[in-house]
Amino acid sequence: MRNLAILGSTGSIGANTLEVVRESGGELRIWSLAAGWNIERLSSQIVEFRPELVSVATEEMAERLERRLAEADAPKPRIVYGAAGNLAAATSDAVDTVVSAAVGVAGLEATYEAVRLGKRVALANKEVLVAAGELVMAAAQRSRALLLPVDSEHNGMHQCLRGAERRQEVSRLILTASGGPFRRTPVEALAGVTPADALRHPTWNMGRRITINSATLMNKGFEVIEACRLFGFRPDQVEVVIHPQSTVHAMIEFQDGSVIAQLGVTDMKMPIQYALYYPERRPCPQSRKLDWKTVRQWDFEPPDREKFPALGLAYRALESGGSAGCTLNAADEVAVEAFLNGRISFPAMAEVVAATLATVPVEQFRSIEHVLAVDQASRRRAGQLVAEIAAQRVPAGAGYQRLEKQWG
């Protein structure tokens, strides 16, 4: 029996993970759950899965959860909160597998400690490797922790690379992107799109930030950074192609031009199960399968980097190294929130990120505490830039000009 900790249990990945646990026949057991603010959903999970420990966002939320469980005469796990609570959930000696699905940097410290302790980590939190990839991968190498991607693209890449007997024969990694809701929208019309427009993803049902990032292609930029960190390839060896059907998740190209692809339906339960049982493959009763009797067409095209500059910003941050990825992630989170709140336009999100990258110094990380300090500094700077743009004190394109002058 494998004991699981789920960081982000009330989100989409957490809920899908619990579906996999339901079908495991007792081979997978929930030891701890960490959530944020959704007490109602968390309470239902506690009643069903009976974890030993539960973490929530704040002390107040912990008190509310305790009262709710008492009123319902429900099981009473140990209840903790905050960053220390996440750490307790992920690092207990009883836990051997951590599903890292918390949104943002909230799960970074706990995930890093789980890696440092040599646990199996099913990674669905992009920010862990975008913000602190060098530290995390160095810790994984020292502890021999098994770091397995849950994102469909990286999970597909992992599966493709299992078929590569000699890694040096692989010349390119190819990540696919749906193109988002604005794939055919003229660039001059993007200034007028609304948050509601951007939240209509054509393929996946995801959280608000990741859906907006899919619309800007920043999400795919994050995935390029992840791929380089996870698999040890250079930025120029990772390519993005637009594939609106989202059936081909990833491809690898060999030196002789041969290509291997991983395909599957748009269902996150399959990559979650792959990460939890690796190296075994198990039947996945929850997941649908491709219907080869249905006539279909698959399209591929290059991304429009002029219309979606966020993708290029991610490559620039990756090439710069050090803390640039952390600044990229922090500035993006601030910019996305400002767009969702109606403070800035859709194109201005990339402008905020570019200007933040240009004005926050790149540092070499020494510790997770150092990562969190740069994250906070980057958020403050991005917040200042949002205010300047919202007040129309910054001309269009100034952020890119600053970045070009700073980084060349």
Protein backbone atom coordinates (compact mmCIF):
# COMPACT_ATOMS: atom_id res chain seq x y z
CA MET A 1 0.00 0.00 0.00
CA ARG A 2 1.31 3.44 -0.98
CA ASN A 3 0.61 6.37 1.38
CA LEU A 4 -0.18 9.61 -0.45
CA ALA A 5 -0.05 13.27 0.47
CA ILE A 6 -1.99 15.54 -1.88
CA LEU A 7 -1.03 19.22 -1.92
CA GLY A 8 -3.99 20.99 -3.49
CA SER A 9 -6.59 18.30 -2.86
CA THR A 10 -9.64 20.45 -3.64
CA GLY A 11 -8.41 21.58 -7.06
CA SER A 12 -8.85 19.83 -10.40
CA ILE A 13 -5.71 17.66 -10.16
CA GLY A 14 -6.45 16.81 -6.53
CA ALA A 15 -9.99 15.72 -7.37
CA ASN A 16 -8.77 13.60 -10.29
CA THR A 17 -6.12 12.01 -8.05
CA LEU A 18 -8.80 11.02 -5.57
CA GLU A 19 -10.74 9.36 -8.38
CA VAL A 20 -7.65 7.28 -9.16
CA VAL A 21 -7.37 6.38 -5.45
CA ARG A 22 -11.02 5.24 -5.42
CA GLU A 23 -10.26 2.76 -8.20
CA SER A 24 -6.99 1.50 -6.69
CA GLY A 25 -8.50 -1.34 -4.70
CA GLY A 26 -6.79 -0.16 -1.53
CA GLU A 27 -3.28 -0.02 -3.04
CA LEU A 28 -3.29 3.77 -2.69
CA ARG A 29 -4.16 5.34 0.69
CA ILE A 30 -4.59 9.00 1.54
CA TRP A 31 -2.41 9.86 4.53
CA SER A 32 -2.66 13.66 4.31
CA LEU A 33 -4.54 16.36 2.39
CA ALA A 34 -3.53 20.00 1.99
CA ALA A 35 -6.01 22.55 0.67
CA GLY A 36 -6.59 26.27 0.76
CA TRP A 37 -10.02 27.75 1.33
CA ASN A 38 -12.59 25.24 0.05
CA ILE A 39 -13.68 23.85 3.42
CA GLU A 40 -16.87 22.29 2.06
CA ARG A 41 -15.09 20.12 -0.51
CA LEU A 42 -12.25 19.31 1.90
CA SER A 43 -14.74 18.15 4.54
CA SER A 44 -16.29 15.71 2.07
CA GLN A 45 -12.83 14.38 1.21
CA ILE A 46 -12.05 13.87 4.90
CA VAL A 47 -15.26 11.91 5.44
CA GLU A 48 -14.56 9.65 2.48
CA PHE A 49 -10.79 9.13 2.68
CA ARG A 50 -10.13 9.52 6.43
CA PRO A 51 -6.66 11.11 6.29
CA GLU A 52 -4.46 11.28 9.37
CA LEU A 53 -3.52 14.93 8.80
CA VAL A 54 -5.12 17.87 6.99
CA SER A 55 -3.67 21.31 6.23
CA VAL A 56 -5.58 24.49 5.31
CA ALA A 57 -4.55 28.05 4.46
CA THR A 58 -4.93 29.86 7.79
CA GLU A 59 -5.56 29.34 11.49
CA GLU A 60 -9.09 30.72 11.04
CA MET A 61 -9.79 28.15 8.30
CA ALA A 62 -8.44 25.41 10.58
CA GLU A 63 -10.88 26.45 13.31
CA ARG A 64 -13.77 26.53 10.84
CA LEU A 65 -12.88 23.07 9.57
CA GLU A 66 -12.67 21.68 13.10
CA ARG A 67 -16.14 23.06 13.94
CA ARG A 68 -17.62 21.72 10.71
CA LEU A 69 -16.26 18.22 11.30
CA ALA A 70 -17.49 18.25 14.91
CA GLU A 71 -21.00 19.29 13.87
CA ALA A 72 -21.11 16.51 11.25
CA ASP A 73 -19.70 13.91 13.66
CA ALA A 74 -17.05 13.27 10.99
CA PRO A 75 -13.56 11.77 11.37
CA LYS A 76 -11.20 14.12 13.17
CA PRO A 77 -7.71 14.22 11.63
CA ARG A 78 -4.93 16.37 12.99
CA ILE A 79 -5.55 19.84 11.51
CA VAL A 80 -2.66 22.20 10.73
CA TYR A 81 -2.35 25.31 8.56
CA GLY A 82 -0.14 27.56 6.45
CA ALA A 83 3.31 26.79 5.07
CA ALA A 84 4.16 24.73 8.16
CA GLY A 85 1.00 22.71 7.62
CA ASN A 86 1.92 21.96 4.01
CA LEU A 87 5.36 20.87 5.18
CA ALA A 88 3.85 18.53 7.75
CA ALA A 89 1.54 17.04 5.12
CA ALA A 90 4.35 16.37 2.65
CA THR A 91 7.26 15.35 4.84
CA SER A 92 5.83 12.84 7.32
CA ASP A 93 7.76 9.57 7.52
CA ALA A 94 4.47 7.79 6.78
CA VAL A 95 4.16 9.46 3.35
CA ASP A 96 6.04 7.89 0.45
CA THR A 97 4.33 9.71 -2.46
CA VAL A 98 3.48 13.41 -2.72
CA VAL A 99 1.11 14.74 -5.37
CA SER A 100 2.19 18.37 -5.79
CA ALA A 101 -0.87 20.14 -7.20
CA ALA A 102 -1.10 23.30 -5.10
CA VAL A 103 -1.53 26.49 -7.13
CA GLY A 104 1.32 28.99 -7.28
CA VAL A 105 4.34 29.01 -5.00
CA ALA A 106 2.22 27.88 -2.03
CA GLY A 107 3.40 24.31 -2.51
CA LEU A 108 7.01 25.10 -3.41
CA GLU A 109 8.66 24.70 0.01
CA ALA A 110 6.76 21.50 0.86
CA THR A 111 7.50 19.98 -2.55
CA TYR A 112 11.19 20.85 -2.29
CA GLU A 113 11.41 19.22 1.15
CA ALA A 114 9.67 16.09 -0.14
CA VAL A 115 12.22 15.92 -2.97
CA ARG A 116 15.08 16.53 -0.55
CA LEU A 117 13.83 13.61 1.57
CA GLY A 118 13.84 11.30 -1.44
CA LYS A 119 10.08 10.78 -1.76
CA ARG A 120 8.26 10.00 -4.99
CA VAL A 121 6.77 13.29 -6.23
CA ALA A 122 3.99 13.40 -8.81
CA LEU A 123 4.48 16.96 -10.01
CA ALA A 124 1.52 18.96 -11.32
CA ASN A 125 2.66 22.35 -9.99
CA LYS A 126 4.53 24.19 -12.76
CA GLU A 127 5.80 26.87 -10.40
CA VAL A 128 8.08 24.41 -8.59
CA LEU A 129 10.40 23.99 -11.58
CA VAL A 130 9.77 27.39 -13.18
CA ALA A 131 10.64 29.32 -10.02
CA ALA A 132 13.22 27.02 -8.42
CA GLY A 133 14.08 24.34 -10.95
CA GLU A 134 17.84 24.40 -10.46
CA LEU A 135 17.53 23.94 -6.69
CA VAL A 136 14.84 21.26 -6.96
CA MET A 137 16.64 19.19 -9.58
CA ALA A 138 19.91 19.39 -7.64
CA ALA A 139 18.08 18.12 -4.54
CA ALA A 140 16.51 15.30 -6.55
CA GLN A 141 19.92 14.23 -7.83
CA ARG A 142 21.32 14.14 -4.30
CA SER A 143 18.40 12.27 -2.72
CA ARG A 144 17.56 10.10 -5.78
CA ALA A 145 13.94 11.23 -5.45
CA LEU A 146 11.67 10.08 -8.24
CA LEU A 147 10.17 13.20 -9.84
CA LEU A 148 7.36 12.25 -12.23
CA PRO A 149 5.43 14.82 -14.27
CA VAL A 150 1.64 14.90 -14.22
CA ASP A 151 1.10 17.62 -16.82
CA SER A 152 -0.14 15.81 -19.92
CA GLU A 153 2.65 17.20 -22.12
CA HIS A 154 5.54 16.33 -19.80
CA ASN A 155 3.98 13.03 -18.88
CA GLY A 156 3.77 12.27 -22.59
CA MET A 157 7.38 13.34 -23.01
CA HIS A 158 8.41 11.04 -20.16
CA GLN A 159 6.64 8.16 -21.88
CA CYS A 160 8.30 8.93 -25.22
CA LEU A 161 11.74 9.09 -23.64
CA ARG A 162 11.23 5.63 -22.11
CA GLY A 163 11.53 4.39 -25.70
CA ALA A 164 14.85 6.15 -26.27
CA GLU A 165 17.58 3.67 -25.34
CA ARG A 166 20.30 6.29 -25.76
CA ARG A 167 19.32 9.81 -24.70
CA GLN A 168 22.07 11.36 -26.84
CA GLU A 169 20.24 10.17 -29.96
CA VAL A 170 17.31 12.50 -29.17
CA SER A 171 17.75 15.84 -30.91
CA ARG A 172 14.50 17.63 -30.08
CA LEU A 173 11.56 17.66 -27.68
CA ILE A 174 8.27 18.90 -29.15
CA LEU A 175 5.48 20.15 -26.88
CA THR A 176 2.00 20.70 -28.25
CA ALA A 177 -0.36 23.55 -27.38
CA SER A 178 -4.05 23.94 -28.19
CA GLY A 179 -3.48 27.58 -29.17
CA GLY A 180 -6.15 28.75 -26.74
CA PRO A 181 -9.32 30.69 -27.56
CA PHE A 182 -7.54 33.41 -29.56
CA ARG A 183 -5.66 31.27 -32.06
CA ARG A 184 -7.55 32.88 -34.95
CA THR A 185 -8.15 36.28 -33.32
CA PRO A 186 -6.37 39.17 -35.10
CA VAL A 187 -3.62 40.67 -32.97
CA GLU A 188 -5.21 44.13 -33.10
CA ALA A 189 -8.40 42.72 -31.52
CA LEU A 190 -6.66 41.30 -28.43
CA ALA A 191 -6.76 44.62 -26.55
CA GLY A 192 -10.55 44.32 -26.44
CA VAL A 193 -10.94 40.74 -25.21
CA THR A 194 -12.48 40.24 -21.79
CA PRO A 195 -11.60 37.82 -18.97
CA ALA A 196 -14.74 35.86 -19.83
CA ASP A 197 -13.48 35.50 -23.42
CA ALA A 198 -10.05 34.33 -22.23
CA LEU A 199 -11.52 31.80 -19.79
CA ARG A 200 -13.26 29.89 -22.61
CA HIS A 201 -10.57 27.29 -23.22
CA PRO A 202 -11.40 25.15 -26.26
CA THR A 203 -10.15 21.83 -24.84
CA TRP A 204 -9.34 21.64 -21.13
CA ASN A 205 -11.27 22.46 -17.96
CA MET A 206 -8.71 24.11 -15.67
CA GLY A 207 -8.29 26.76 -12.99
CA ARG A 208 -8.52 30.45 -13.83
CA ARG A 209 -4.83 31.32 -13.87
CA ILE A 210 -3.73 28.36 -15.97
CA THR A 211 -6.62 28.99 -18.39
CA ILE A 212 -5.55 32.61 -18.87
CA ASN A 213 -1.94 31.48 -19.28
CA SER A 214 -3.07 29.03 -21.95
CA ALA A 215 -4.72 31.94 -23.77
CA THR A 216 -1.46 33.96 -23.71
CA LEU A 217 0.80 30.88 -24.30
CA MET A 218 2.64 31.71 -21.08
CA ASN A 219 1.57 28.30 -19.85
CA LYS A 220 3.42 26.71 -22.74
CA GLY A 221 6.44 28.87 -21.94
CA PHE A 222 6.38 27.52 -18.40
CA GLU A 223 6.24 24.01 -19.85
CA VAL A 224 9.34 24.69 -21.97
CA ILE A 225 11.19 25.63 -18.77
CA GLU A 226 9.88 22.51 -17.03
CA ALA A 227 10.94 20.28 -19.92
CA CYS A 228 14.49 21.60 -19.88
CA ARG A 229 14.74 21.14 -16.09
CA LEU A 230 13.13 17.69 -15.97
CA PHE A 231 14.81 16.09 -18.95
CA GLY A 232 18.13 17.93 -19.19
CA PHE A 233 17.75 19.49 -22.65
CA ARG A 234 18.82 22.94 -23.84
CA PRO A 235 16.23 25.65 -24.65
CA ASP A 236 17.04 25.41 -28.37
CA GLN A 237 16.17 21.69 -28.24
CA VAL A 238 12.59 22.27 -27.06
CA GLU A 239 10.02 23.37 -29.63
CA VAL A 240 6.35 24.30 -29.33
CA VAL A 241 3.76 23.49 -32.00
CA ILE A 242 0.09 24.43 -32.04
CA HIS A 243 -2.18 21.38 -32.16
CA PRO A 244 -5.79 22.49 -31.53
CA GLN A 245 -7.18 18.95 -31.17
CA SER A 246 -4.97 18.32 -28.08
CA THR A 247 -4.68 14.61 -28.89
CA VAL A 248 -0.92 14.46 -29.49
CA HIS A 249 0.56 15.60 -26.18
CA ALA A 250 4.29 15.40 -26.87
CA MET A 251 6.84 14.16 -29.40
CA ILE A 252 10.55 13.47 -29.49
CA GLU A 253 12.65 13.71 -32.61
CA PHE A 254 15.77 11.60 -33.08
CA GLN A 255 18.95 12.61 -34.87
CA ASP A 256 17.90 10.69 -37.98
CA GLY A 257 14.61 12.59 -38.21
CA SER A 258 12.39 9.80 -36.84
CA VAL A 259 9.66 11.03 -34.45
CA ILE A 260 7.88 9.21 -31.60
CA ALA A 261 4.64 10.70 -30.27
CA GLN A 262 2.43 10.10 -27.23
CA LEU A 263 -1.31 10.40 -27.84
CA GLY A 264 -4.34 10.21 -25.61
CA VAL A 265 -7.72 11.70 -24.80
CA THR A 266 -7.94 14.93 -22.80
CA ASP A 267 -8.28 13.22 -19.41
CA MET A 268 -5.89 13.97 -16.55
CA LYS A 269 -6.54 10.70 -14.72
CA MET A 270 -4.29 8.76 -17.09
CA PRO A 271 -1.10 10.79 -16.43
CA ILE A 272 -1.88 10.89 -12.72
CA GLN A 273 -2.16 7.11 -12.59
CA TYR A 274 1.03 6.78 -14.66
CA ALA A 275 2.94 8.90 -12.12
CA LEU A 276 1.54 7.04 -9.10
CA TYR A 277 2.28 3.53 -10.37
CA TYR A 278 5.41 4.08 -12.49
CA PRO A 279 7.20 2.01 -13.78
CA GLU A 280 4.12 -0.21 -13.94
CA ARG A 281 1.25 0.47 -16.30
CA ARG A 282 -2.21 -0.29 -14.98
CA PRO A 283 -5.66 -0.35 -16.61
CA CYS A 284 -7.29 3.05 -16.13
CA PRO A 285 -11.03 2.42 -15.79
CA GLN A 286 -11.76 6.09 -15.20
CA SER A 287 -10.15 7.25 -18.45
CA ARG A 288 -11.70 7.23 -21.89
CA LYS A 289 -9.74 5.87 -24.84
CA LEU A 290 -9.25 7.12 -28.38
CA ASP A 291 -11.86 5.87 -30.81
CA TRP A 292 -9.96 4.90 -33.94
CA LYS A 293 -13.18 4.25 -35.84
CA THR A 294 -14.03 7.95 -35.77
CA VAL A 295 -12.78 9.98 -38.74
CA ARG A 296 -10.68 12.87 -37.52
CA GLN A 297 -8.14 15.45 -38.62
CA TRP A 298 -5.12 16.59 -36.69
CA ASP A 299 -3.59 19.99 -37.39
CA PHE A 300 -0.15 21.35 -36.53
CA GLU A 301 1.21 24.87 -37.00
CA PRO A 302 3.89 27.09 -35.48
CA PRO A 303 2.93 29.50 -32.68
CA ASP A 304 2.57 33.19 -33.54
CA ARG A 305 5.20 34.73 -31.26
CA GLU A 306 4.35 38.27 -32.30
CA LYS A 307 0.73 37.85 -31.21
CA PHE A 308 1.71 35.81 -28.12
CA PRO A 309 4.98 37.34 -26.83
CA ALA A 310 4.71 35.55 -23.47
CA LEU A 311 6.17 32.41 -25.03
CA GLY A 312 9.31 34.30 -26.04
CA LEU A 313 9.59 35.85 -22.58
CA ALA A 314 9.69 32.38 -21.06
CA TYR A 315 12.51 31.35 -23.39
CA ARG A 316 14.40 34.51 -22.48
CA ALA A 317 14.02 33.82 -18.75
CA LEU A 318 15.16 30.22 -19.24
CA GLU A 319 18.24 31.28 -21.17
CA SER A 320 19.08 33.90 -18.53
CA GLY A 321 18.90 31.27 -15.75
CA GLY A 322 19.19 31.94 -12.05
CA SER A 323 16.22 33.74 -10.54
CA ALA A 324 14.73 34.89 -13.86
CA GLY A 325 12.23 32.01 -13.89
CA CYS A 326 11.05 32.96 -10.41
CA THR A 327 10.55 36.56 -11.49
CA LEU A 328 8.75 35.43 -14.65
CA ASN A 329 6.30 33.34 -12.62
CA ALA A 330 5.69 35.97 -9.94
CA ALA A 331 5.13 38.78 -12.45
CA ASP A 332 2.80 36.60 -14.49
CA GLU A 333 0.67 35.75 -11.46
CA VAL A 334 0.30 39.42 -10.58
CA ALA A 335 -0.48 40.35 -14.20
CA VAL A 336 -3.09 37.60 -14.61
CA GLU A 337 -4.87 38.68 -11.43
CA ALA A 338 -4.86 42.29 -12.64
CA PHE A 339 -6.37 41.25 -15.98
CA LEU A 340 -9.05 39.12 -14.30
CA ASN A 341 -9.94 42.11 -12.11
CA GLY A 342 -10.27 44.38 -15.14
CA ARG A 343 -7.29 46.60 -14.28
CA ILE A 344 -5.20 45.92 -17.39
CA SER A 345 -5.80 44.65 -20.92
CA PHE A 346 -4.97 41.21 -22.29
CA PRO A 347 -1.78 42.38 -24.11
CA ALA A 348 -0.66 44.32 -21.04
CA MET A 349 -0.06 41.08 -19.13
CA ALA A 350 3.02 40.32 -21.22
CA GLU A 351 4.07 43.97 -20.92
CA VAL A 352 4.04 43.70 -17.10
CA VAL A 353 6.11 40.50 -17.23
CA ALA A 354 8.66 41.98 -19.65
CA ALA A 355 9.12 45.13 -17.58
CA THR A 356 9.46 43.13 -14.36
CA LEU A 357 12.10 40.88 -15.89
CA ALA A 358 13.96 43.99 -17.04
CA THR A 359 13.99 45.67 -13.63
CA VAL A 360 14.42 42.85 -11.10
CA PRO A 361 18.08 41.71 -10.92
CA VAL A 362 18.92 38.09 -11.77
CA GLU A 363 20.45 36.25 -8.82
CA GLN A 364 21.77 32.74 -8.20
CA PHE A 365 19.66 30.97 -5.63
CA ARG A 366 21.20 29.67 -2.43
CA SER A 367 18.09 28.31 -0.70
CA ILE A 368 14.30 28.06 -0.87
CA GLU A 369 14.14 31.08 1.45
CA HIS A 370 16.10 33.01 -1.17
CA VAL A 371 13.60 31.89 -3.83
CA LEU A 372 10.68 33.10 -1.73
CA ALA A 373 12.39 36.47 -1.12
CA VAL A 374 12.91 37.03 -4.86
CA ASP A 375 9.33 35.93 -5.47
CA GLN A 376 8.05 38.62 -3.10
CA ALA A 377 10.32 41.31 -4.55
CA SER A 378 9.17 40.42 -8.07
CA ARG A 379 5.51 40.57 -7.04
CA ARG A 380 5.99 44.01 -5.52
CA ARG A 381 7.65 45.30 -8.69
CA ALA A 382 4.99 43.76 -10.93
CA GLY A 383 2.30 45.36 -8.76
CA GLN A 384 3.92 48.78 -9.23
CA LEU A 385 3.99 48.25 -12.99
CA VAL A 386 0.34 47.20 -13.05
CA ALA A 387 -0.53 50.46 -11.27
CA GLU A 388 1.51 52.48 -13.79
CA ILE A 389 -0.10 50.75 -16.77
CA ALA A 390 -3.58 51.04 -15.27
CA ALA A 391 -2.98 54.78 -14.80
CA GLN A 392 -1.69 54.97 -18.41
CA ARG A 393 1.65 56.33 -17.25
CA VAL A 394 3.61 53.76 -19.30
CA PRO A 395 3.66 53.81 -23.13
CA ALA A 396 2.90 50.60 -25.02
CA GLY A 397 5.99 48.50 -25.64
CA ALA A 398 8.06 50.12 -22.90
CA GLY A 399 8.43 46.85 -21.03
CA TYR A 400 9.92 45.07 -24.05
CA GLN A 401 12.23 48.01 -24.70
CA ARG A 402 13.50 47.85 -21.13
CA LEU A 403 14.08 44.12 -21.41
CA GLU A 404 15.93 44.47 -24.70
CA LYS A 405 18.15 47.18 -23.24
CA GLN A 406 18.81 45.20 -20.06
CA TRP A 407 19.39 41.74 -21.57
CA GLY A 408 20.43 42.58 -25.13
